[in-house]
Amino acid sequence: MNAIPLVRANVVLPVVKFLDQIRAPTEQFLRQSGLSVEALDHPEALIPLYCGFTFLETAARSEGIEHLGVLVSQQVQIADLGLFGKILSQSLTLYDLLHTVSALLTTTYNSGARAWITQQDDRIWFNHQFINHADLNNQQAQYFACLLYLKIIQLVVGTDWHPTDLHFQTSKLHGLEKIEAFFQSRVHFNQPNNAIGFHKSLLHLPLQRQVNDCLSFSQQEQVYENVQSSAPAPDFSGSLRQLIRSQLSSGEPDVALAAAAAGLSIRSFQRQLTEAGLSYSHLVDQVRFELAMAWLKDPSIQIVDIALNLGYTNPANFTRAFKRWAGITPRTFRHSAMQ
């Protein structure tokens, strides 16, 4: 049983920034896509990848911006990728950089994508592919991801550099020939996967790091520890718990939204739950209880805020639920924990 594809919330923030700049109804697009503004308050938090696809496609269609994924990718900086970006900025060479992306992408940043390096004669291909259903509409995300990796490569080779070849898994958008990223490369569409082609001599070029990017060994270890501890779960049950957590701040976690985030119909989603011996409502209670216990041990967090963060509009409902879970009120639990 496959894990639900999840991605770090910071990948959506450049899209939000771009839409806010053109005064688009960003919050409306987020809600329509099953995402909440609150979920984006924590850039390292995990959100459903398929909801991110829907957000990009909805915004592009509604605003009439056919090249939205391309345009947003041009504004992204490596710092926008959070902890993942910090790890990449410590690379020694282009080879080290691409190897790091390939090794860590799926396990720490985006469980619904993979990247790998291949060689054909004297040409290197950096390949990328979303792991998803063929019927999902993610054209904007395909362009965004491929050109984001192009920008990552340019950290080493310079912003004036262009690859010999660009392969896109999706179809061609009208007017791409007017965009600079496509001026000097051979571009092919409807390919098996996205890919960036360049001469192998570039692999050994060193990464030109800024002084501010350099981390000590202990700092690097801390970044790795943080990114691993918050990584997408590799199994269905674990990823569903993470999905539920991403939905809590916007209210009662909805099974229909969870199914959509998993790329499944409600019926298929319920069948997977049954096969795994899981109950959706029980999982919601488990996630809420675990978070409630952690937050109640922090006296700086008000109980009313804990209730809101867990999706309860009425704190009294949280108190009743917690008493049902633990046999005592949240206030009593906090007092006991402080002792």
Protein backbone atom coordinates (compact mmCIF):
# COMPACT_ATOMS: atom_id res chain seq x y z
CA MET A 1 0.00 0.00 0.00
CA ASN A 2 1.58 3.26 -1.17
CA ALA A 3 2.22 6.26 1.03
CA ILE A 4 0.26 9.45 0.37
CA PRO A 5 2.55 11.86 -1.56
CA LEU A 6 3.54 14.78 0.68
CA VAL A 7 5.80 17.78 0.07
CA ARG A 8 7.22 20.59 2.20
CA ALA A 9 4.96 23.62 2.42
CA ASN A 10 7.81 25.95 1.39
CA VAL A 11 7.52 24.75 -2.23
CA VAL A 12 4.12 26.48 -2.43
CA LEU A 13 5.24 29.78 -0.90
CA PRO A 14 6.87 31.17 -4.09
CA VAL A 15 3.56 30.58 -5.89
CA VAL A 16 1.69 32.37 -3.11
CA LYS A 17 4.15 35.27 -3.27
CA PHE A 18 3.78 35.57 -7.06
CA LEU A 19 -0.03 35.50 -6.89
CA ASP A 20 -0.06 38.07 -4.09
CA GLN A 21 2.14 40.35 -6.21
CA ILE A 22 -0.44 40.34 -9.01
CA ARG A 23 -3.27 40.69 -6.44
CA ALA A 24 -4.88 37.39 -7.29
CA PRO A 25 -7.37 35.82 -4.80
CA THR A 26 -4.70 33.51 -3.43
CA GLU A 27 -6.62 32.34 -0.36
CA GLN A 28 -9.57 31.39 -2.52
CA PHE A 29 -7.34 29.26 -4.76
CA LEU A 30 -5.80 27.60 -1.70
CA ARG A 31 -9.21 26.70 -0.26
CA GLN A 32 -10.43 25.38 -3.61
CA SER A 33 -7.36 23.15 -3.70
CA GLY A 34 -7.80 21.71 -0.20
CA LEU A 35 -4.99 23.79 1.32
CA SER A 36 -5.22 26.33 4.13
CA VAL A 37 -3.30 29.54 4.73
CA GLU A 38 -2.56 28.31 8.26
CA ALA A 39 -0.82 25.21 6.89
CA LEU A 40 1.66 27.48 5.12
CA ASP A 41 2.64 29.28 8.33
CA HIS A 42 5.18 26.52 8.93
CA PRO A 43 7.38 26.22 5.81
CA GLU A 44 8.86 22.84 6.85
CA ALA A 45 5.45 21.31 7.48
CA LEU A 46 4.15 18.67 5.07
CA ILE A 47 1.19 19.25 2.76
CA PRO A 48 -0.47 16.96 0.19
CA LEU A 49 1.42 17.07 -3.11
CA TYR A 50 -1.72 16.57 -5.21
CA CYS A 51 -3.34 19.58 -3.52
CA GLY A 52 -0.27 21.58 -4.56
CA PHE A 53 -0.82 20.41 -8.16
CA THR A 54 -4.44 21.55 -7.99
CA PHE A 55 -3.44 24.92 -6.52
CA LEU A 56 -1.04 25.67 -9.40
CA GLU A 57 -3.48 24.54 -12.08
CA THR A 58 -6.42 26.40 -10.52
CA ALA A 59 -4.44 29.65 -10.24
CA ALA A 60 -3.06 29.38 -13.79
CA ARG A 61 -6.49 28.70 -15.28
CA SER A 62 -8.36 31.31 -13.22
CA GLU A 63 -5.79 34.07 -13.82
CA GLY A 64 -5.20 33.13 -17.46
CA ILE A 65 -1.45 32.72 -16.89
CA GLU A 66 -0.47 29.84 -19.16
CA HIS A 67 3.18 29.91 -18.04
CA LEU A 68 2.58 30.25 -14.29
CA GLY A 69 4.88 27.34 -13.37
CA VAL A 70 7.66 28.76 -15.56
CA LEU A 71 7.30 32.31 -14.22
CA VAL A 72 7.29 31.26 -10.57
CA SER A 73 10.35 29.06 -11.02
CA GLN A 74 12.33 32.09 -12.20
CA GLN A 75 11.80 33.82 -8.85
CA VAL A 76 12.75 30.92 -6.57
CA GLN A 77 15.99 31.08 -4.59
CA ILE A 78 17.67 28.10 -2.98
CA ALA A 79 16.94 29.64 0.44
CA ASP A 80 13.23 29.26 -0.36
CA LEU A 81 13.68 25.48 -0.10
CA GLY A 82 14.31 25.72 3.64
CA LEU A 83 16.29 22.93 5.28
CA PHE A 84 16.57 21.07 1.97
CA GLY A 85 18.05 24.20 0.41
CA LYS A 86 20.53 24.54 3.28
CA ILE A 87 21.74 21.00 2.68
CA LEU A 88 22.13 21.64 -1.05
CA SER A 89 24.07 24.84 -0.40
CA GLN A 90 26.78 22.80 1.40
CA SER A 91 27.59 20.78 -1.76
CA LEU A 92 31.16 20.80 -3.01
CA THR A 93 30.67 20.32 -6.76
CA LEU A 94 27.87 20.03 -9.29
CA TYR A 95 28.16 16.25 -9.06
CA ASP A 96 27.85 16.42 -5.27
CA LEU A 97 24.89 18.78 -5.59
CA LEU A 98 22.95 16.57 -8.02
CA HIS A 99 23.83 13.42 -6.09
CA THR A 100 22.48 15.03 -2.90
CA VAL A 101 19.22 15.98 -4.64
CA SER A 102 18.87 12.44 -5.99
CA ALA A 103 19.56 10.85 -2.61
CA LEU A 104 17.37 13.08 -0.43
CA LEU A 105 14.49 14.35 -2.59
CA THR A 106 12.03 11.50 -2.10
CA THR A 107 12.95 10.65 1.48
CA THR A 108 13.07 14.14 2.98
CA TYR A 109 11.41 16.76 0.75
CA ASN A 110 8.84 15.37 -1.70
CA SER A 111 7.73 11.77 -1.35
CA GLY A 112 5.82 12.01 -4.62
CA ALA A 113 8.87 12.72 -6.81
CA ARG A 114 12.21 11.18 -7.63
CA ALA A 115 15.41 12.40 -9.28
CA TRP A 116 18.38 10.52 -10.72
CA ILE A 117 21.51 11.00 -12.83
CA THR A 118 22.30 9.12 -16.05
CA GLN A 119 25.10 9.40 -18.61
CA GLN A 120 24.98 8.91 -22.37
CA ASP A 121 28.37 9.24 -24.05
CA ASP A 122 29.73 12.63 -22.96
CA ARG A 123 26.34 13.98 -21.94
CA ILE A 124 24.90 13.95 -18.42
CA TRP A 125 21.16 13.85 -17.83
CA PHE A 126 19.63 15.02 -14.59
CA ASN A 127 16.22 13.36 -14.56
CA HIS A 128 13.08 14.15 -12.59
CA GLN A 129 9.69 12.50 -12.44
CA PHE A 130 6.55 12.81 -10.34
CA ILE A 131 5.32 9.49 -9.01
CA ASN A 132 1.60 9.83 -9.57
CA HIS A 133 -1.48 8.72 -11.43
CA ALA A 134 -1.32 9.36 -15.17
CA ASP A 135 -4.67 11.16 -15.16
CA LEU A 136 -3.60 13.87 -12.71
CA ASN A 137 -3.29 17.35 -14.20
CA ASN A 138 0.09 18.71 -13.14
CA GLN A 139 1.44 20.50 -16.22
CA GLN A 140 2.32 23.66 -14.29
CA ALA A 141 4.11 21.63 -11.61
CA GLN A 142 6.10 19.76 -14.28
CA TYR A 143 7.46 23.01 -15.71
CA PHE A 144 7.99 24.51 -12.27
CA ALA A 145 10.00 21.51 -11.02
CA CYS A 146 12.19 21.10 -14.11
CA LEU A 147 13.11 24.76 -14.29
CA LEU A 148 13.69 24.87 -10.54
CA TYR A 149 16.34 22.17 -10.98
CA LEU A 150 17.79 24.22 -13.82
CA LYS A 151 18.20 27.12 -11.38
CA ILE A 152 19.83 24.78 -8.85
CA ILE A 153 22.38 23.71 -11.48
CA GLN A 154 23.04 27.36 -12.27
CA LEU A 155 24.23 27.79 -8.67
CA VAL A 156 27.39 26.12 -9.95
CA VAL A 157 27.61 27.01 -13.64
CA GLY A 158 26.23 30.57 -13.46
CA THR A 159 22.92 32.17 -14.36
CA ASP A 160 23.96 32.85 -17.97
CA TRP A 161 24.43 29.15 -18.65
CA HIS A 162 21.84 27.09 -20.56
CA PRO A 163 21.66 23.30 -20.94
CA THR A 164 22.10 21.60 -24.30
CA ASP A 165 18.74 19.85 -23.90
CA LEU A 166 15.52 20.15 -21.93
CA HIS A 167 13.01 17.29 -21.80
CA PHE A 168 9.50 17.74 -20.43
CA GLN A 169 7.12 14.95 -19.56
CA THR A 170 4.16 17.21 -20.31
CA SER A 171 2.98 18.84 -23.53
CA LYS A 172 4.17 22.16 -24.95
CA LEU A 173 2.69 25.44 -23.80
CA HIS A 174 2.02 28.15 -26.35
CA GLY A 175 4.63 30.93 -26.38
CA LEU A 176 7.49 29.12 -24.64
CA GLU A 177 9.86 30.26 -27.37
CA LYS A 178 9.56 33.80 -26.01
CA ILE A 179 10.91 32.80 -22.57
CA GLU A 180 14.67 33.11 -22.03
CA ALA A 181 15.05 29.70 -20.39
CA PHE A 182 14.16 28.09 -23.73
CA PHE A 183 16.31 30.25 -26.04
CA GLN A 184 19.49 28.19 -26.28
CA SER A 185 18.42 24.62 -25.61
CA ARG A 186 16.94 21.82 -27.68
CA VAL A 187 13.51 21.34 -26.13
CA HIS A 188 11.45 18.15 -26.38
CA PHE A 189 7.96 17.50 -25.01
CA ASN A 190 5.88 14.43 -24.09
CA GLN A 191 9.00 12.63 -22.89
CA PRO A 192 9.11 9.70 -20.43
CA ASN A 193 10.41 12.04 -17.74
CA ASN A 194 11.71 15.57 -17.24
CA ALA A 195 15.45 15.90 -17.86
CA ILE A 196 18.22 18.47 -18.17
CA GLY A 197 21.12 17.58 -20.46
CA PHE A 198 24.66 19.03 -20.31
CA HIS A 199 28.28 18.10 -20.98
CA LYS A 200 29.93 15.85 -18.38
CA SER A 201 32.85 18.27 -17.94
CA LEU A 202 30.59 20.46 -15.80
CA LEU A 203 30.18 17.84 -13.08
CA HIS A 204 33.45 18.68 -11.35
CA LEU A 205 32.88 22.45 -11.17
CA PRO A 206 32.86 23.72 -7.56
CA LEU A 207 29.85 25.33 -5.96
CA GLN A 208 30.47 29.04 -5.39
CA ARG A 209 29.13 29.42 -1.88
CA GLN A 210 28.44 32.67 -0.09
CA VAL A 211 29.99 33.16 3.36
CA ASN A 212 26.50 33.18 4.87
CA ASP A 213 25.81 29.73 3.38
CA CYS A 214 28.71 28.00 5.14
CA LEU A 215 27.70 25.85 8.10
CA SER A 216 29.93 24.27 10.71
CA PHE A 217 29.97 20.48 11.03
CA SER A 218 27.70 20.59 14.09
CA GLN A 219 25.29 22.93 12.28
CA GLN A 220 25.18 20.59 9.30
CA GLU A 221 24.43 17.66 11.59
CA GLN A 222 21.59 19.62 13.19
CA VAL A 223 20.08 20.48 9.80
CA TYR A 224 20.24 16.82 8.72
CA GLU A 225 18.65 15.74 12.00
CA ASN A 226 15.83 18.27 11.62
CA VAL A 227 15.09 17.36 8.02
CA GLN A 228 15.12 13.62 8.77
CA SER A 229 12.91 13.92 11.85
CA SER A 230 10.23 15.80 9.91
CA ALA A 231 10.48 13.77 6.68
CA PRO A 232 7.46 12.33 4.85
CA ALA A 233 6.51 8.91 6.18
CA PRO A 234 7.25 6.04 3.76
CA ASP A 235 4.04 4.11 4.57
CA PHE A 236 0.30 4.69 4.15
CA SER A 237 -0.54 4.88 7.85
CA GLY A 238 2.28 7.26 8.73
CA SER A 239 1.68 9.53 5.75
CA LEU A 240 -2.04 9.64 6.52
CA ARG A 241 -1.26 10.82 10.05
CA GLN A 242 0.93 13.57 8.59
CA LEU A 243 -1.84 14.49 6.15
CA ILE A 244 -4.37 14.74 8.97
CA ARG A 245 -1.99 16.99 10.90
CA SER A 246 -1.74 19.33 7.89
CA GLN A 247 -5.54 19.65 7.80
CA LEU A 248 -6.17 20.32 11.48
CA SER A 249 -5.59 24.07 11.55
CA SER A 250 -8.33 24.63 8.95
CA GLY A 251 -10.99 22.77 10.95
CA GLU A 252 -12.36 19.26 11.23
CA PRO A 253 -10.27 16.95 9.01
CA ASP A 254 -12.51 15.90 6.16
CA VAL A 255 -12.34 12.36 4.79
CA ALA A 256 -13.23 13.59 1.28
CA LEU A 257 -10.27 16.01 1.30
CA ALA A 258 -8.00 13.26 2.62
CA ALA A 259 -9.10 10.96 -0.21
CA ALA A 260 -8.51 13.68 -2.81
CA ALA A 261 -5.08 14.38 -1.32
CA ALA A 262 -4.27 10.70 -1.73
CA GLY A 263 -5.40 10.80 -5.37
CA LEU A 264 -8.25 8.38 -4.62
CA SER A 265 -12.03 8.32 -4.67
CA ILE A 266 -13.66 8.21 -1.22
CA ARG A 267 -14.67 4.60 -1.87
CA SER A 268 -11.12 3.54 -2.81
CA PHE A 269 -9.71 5.51 0.12
CA GLN A 270 -12.07 3.80 2.57
CA ARG A 271 -11.13 0.43 1.08
CA GLN A 272 -7.43 1.13 1.67
CA LEU A 273 -8.20 2.09 5.26
CA THR A 274 -10.09 -1.16 5.77
CA GLU A 275 -7.30 -3.23 4.23
CA ALA A 276 -4.82 -1.55 6.58
CA GLY A 277 -7.08 -2.13 9.58
CA LEU A 278 -7.45 1.61 10.16
CA SER A 279 -10.33 3.90 11.06
CA TYR A 280 -10.11 7.48 9.78
CA SER A 281 -11.94 8.99 12.76
CA HIS A 282 -9.75 7.01 15.18
CA LEU A 283 -6.59 8.24 13.41
CA VAL A 284 -7.85 11.82 13.71
CA ASP A 285 -8.34 11.30 17.44
CA GLN A 286 -4.85 9.80 17.79
CA VAL A 287 -3.17 12.70 15.98
CA ARG A 288 -5.13 15.26 18.00
CA PHE A 289 -4.35 13.54 21.30
CA GLU A 290 -0.62 13.25 20.59
CA LEU A 291 -0.40 16.93 19.60
CA ALA A 292 -2.55 18.00 22.55
CA MET A 293 -0.28 16.22 25.04
CA ALA A 294 2.84 17.81 23.54
CA TRP A 295 1.35 21.31 23.50
CA LEU A 296 -0.17 21.05 26.99
CA LYS A 297 3.31 20.41 28.36
CA ASP A 298 4.32 23.86 27.09
CA PRO A 299 2.82 26.42 29.52
CA SER A 300 3.37 29.24 27.03
CA ILE A 301 0.61 27.88 24.78
CA GLN A 302 -2.91 28.81 25.85
CA ILE A 303 -5.43 25.97 25.99
CA VAL A 304 -7.81 27.93 23.77
CA ASP A 305 -5.06 28.17 21.14
CA ILE A 306 -4.42 24.45 21.39
CA ALA A 307 -8.11 23.83 20.73
CA LEU A 308 -8.04 26.08 17.65
CA ASN A 309 -4.84 24.50 16.34
CA LEU A 310 -6.47 21.08 16.63
CA GLY A 311 -9.42 22.20 14.52
CA TYR A 312 -11.96 22.84 17.30
CA THR A 313 -13.95 26.06 16.87
CA ASN A 314 -15.25 25.71 20.43
CA PRO A 315 -12.69 25.05 23.22
CA ALA A 316 -15.39 23.23 25.20
CA ASN A 317 -15.51 20.57 22.47
CA PHE A 318 -11.75 20.07 22.87
CA THR A 319 -12.15 19.70 26.63
CA ARG A 320 -14.86 17.05 26.18
CA ALA A 321 -12.80 15.18 23.59
CA PHE A 322 -9.65 15.23 25.75
CA LYS A 323 -11.57 13.95 28.76
CA ARG A 324 -12.90 11.13 26.58
CA TRP A 325 -9.33 10.27 25.53
CA ALA A 326 -7.52 10.65 28.85
CA GLY A 327 -10.19 10.64 31.55
CA ILE A 328 -9.13 14.11 32.77
CA THR A 329 -9.48 17.67 31.48
CA PRO A 330 -6.69 19.42 29.54
CA ARG A 331 -6.16 21.77 32.46
CA THR A 332 -5.74 18.88 34.91
CA PHE A 333 -3.35 17.15 32.52
CA ARG A 334 -1.26 20.32 32.21
CA HIS A 335 -1.12 20.74 35.97
CA SER A 336 -0.03 17.13 36.40
CA ALA A 337 2.61 17.45 33.68
CA MET A 338 4.02 20.58 35.31
CA GLN A 339 4.48 18.65 38.56
